[in-house]
Protein backbone atom coordinates (compact mmCIF):
# COMPACT_ATOMS: atom_id res chain seq x y z
CA MET A 1 -16.25 -15.57 9.93
CA ILE A 2 -17.85 -12.70 11.27
CA TRP A 3 -20.14 -9.71 9.11
CA SER A 4 -20.29 -6.65 10.40
CA ILE A 5 -21.18 -2.58 8.97
CA VAL A 6 -18.85 -0.12 8.54
CA LEU A 7 -20.82 3.17 8.93
CA ILE A 8 -19.16 5.50 6.47
CA GLY A 9 -20.64 9.30 6.77
CA TYR A 10 -24.05 9.58 6.29
CA ASP A 11 -25.11 7.57 3.62
CA GLN A 12 -22.57 5.35 2.78
CA CYS A 13 -22.59 1.76 4.35
CA VAL A 14 -19.36 -1.45 3.48
CA PHE A 15 -19.73 -4.50 4.48
CA ALA A 16 -16.83 -6.38 5.88
CA THR A 17 -15.71 -9.34 7.43
CA ALA A 18 -14.02 -9.45 10.79
CA SER A 19 -10.91 -11.57 10.31
CA LEU A 20 -7.79 -12.25 12.55
CA ASN A 21 -5.66 -12.02 9.32
CA ARG A 22 -6.17 -9.07 7.25
CA VAL A 23 -4.58 -10.57 4.08
CA GLU A 24 -7.12 -13.31 4.13
CA ALA A 25 -9.66 -10.64 3.84
CA SER A 26 -8.48 -8.67 1.41
CA VAL A 27 -8.21 -11.76 -0.67
CA GLN A 28 -11.58 -12.59 -0.34
CA LEU A 29 -13.00 -8.81 -0.35
CA PRO A 30 -10.43 -6.95 -3.18
CA ARG A 31 -13.45 -4.78 -3.40
CA PHE A 32 -14.04 -3.59 -0.45
CA TRP A 33 -9.97 -2.76 0.51
CA GLU A 34 -10.21 -0.91 -3.07
CA LYS A 35 -13.25 1.46 -2.11
CA LEU A 36 -12.33 1.75 1.65
CA GLU A 37 -8.95 3.05 0.15
CA GLU A 38 -10.87 5.67 -2.16
CA ILE A 39 -12.47 7.15 0.66
CA ARG A 40 -9.67 7.33 2.36
CA ILE A 41 -8.13 9.31 -0.64
CA LYS A 42 -11.19 11.10 -1.20
CA TRP A 43 -10.90 12.47 3.07
CA ASP A 44 -7.78 13.25 2.80
CA GLN A 45 -8.67 15.59 -0.04
CA ASN A 46 -11.39 17.04 1.59
CA LYS A 47 -9.14 17.72 4.86
CA GLU A 48 -7.02 20.10 2.92
CA VAL A 49 -9.59 21.81 1.26
CA THR A 50 -11.07 22.52 4.62
CA LYS A 51 -7.66 23.56 6.30
CA GLU A 52 -7.77 26.45 2.99
CA TYR A 53 -11.26 28.16 4.05
CA THR A 54 -10.61 27.57 8.25
């Protein structure tokens, strides 16, 4: 398995495994996928707020 770091924003980094089988990776790192979804939701919320002010 190949380890890599996914950089998110300026001050957050999340460790991830690169795998041909996403199901295998999600079983091994369920917290990673949960955190990634939380971050995606926050980004979507920030986009909406930004749109209101532009």
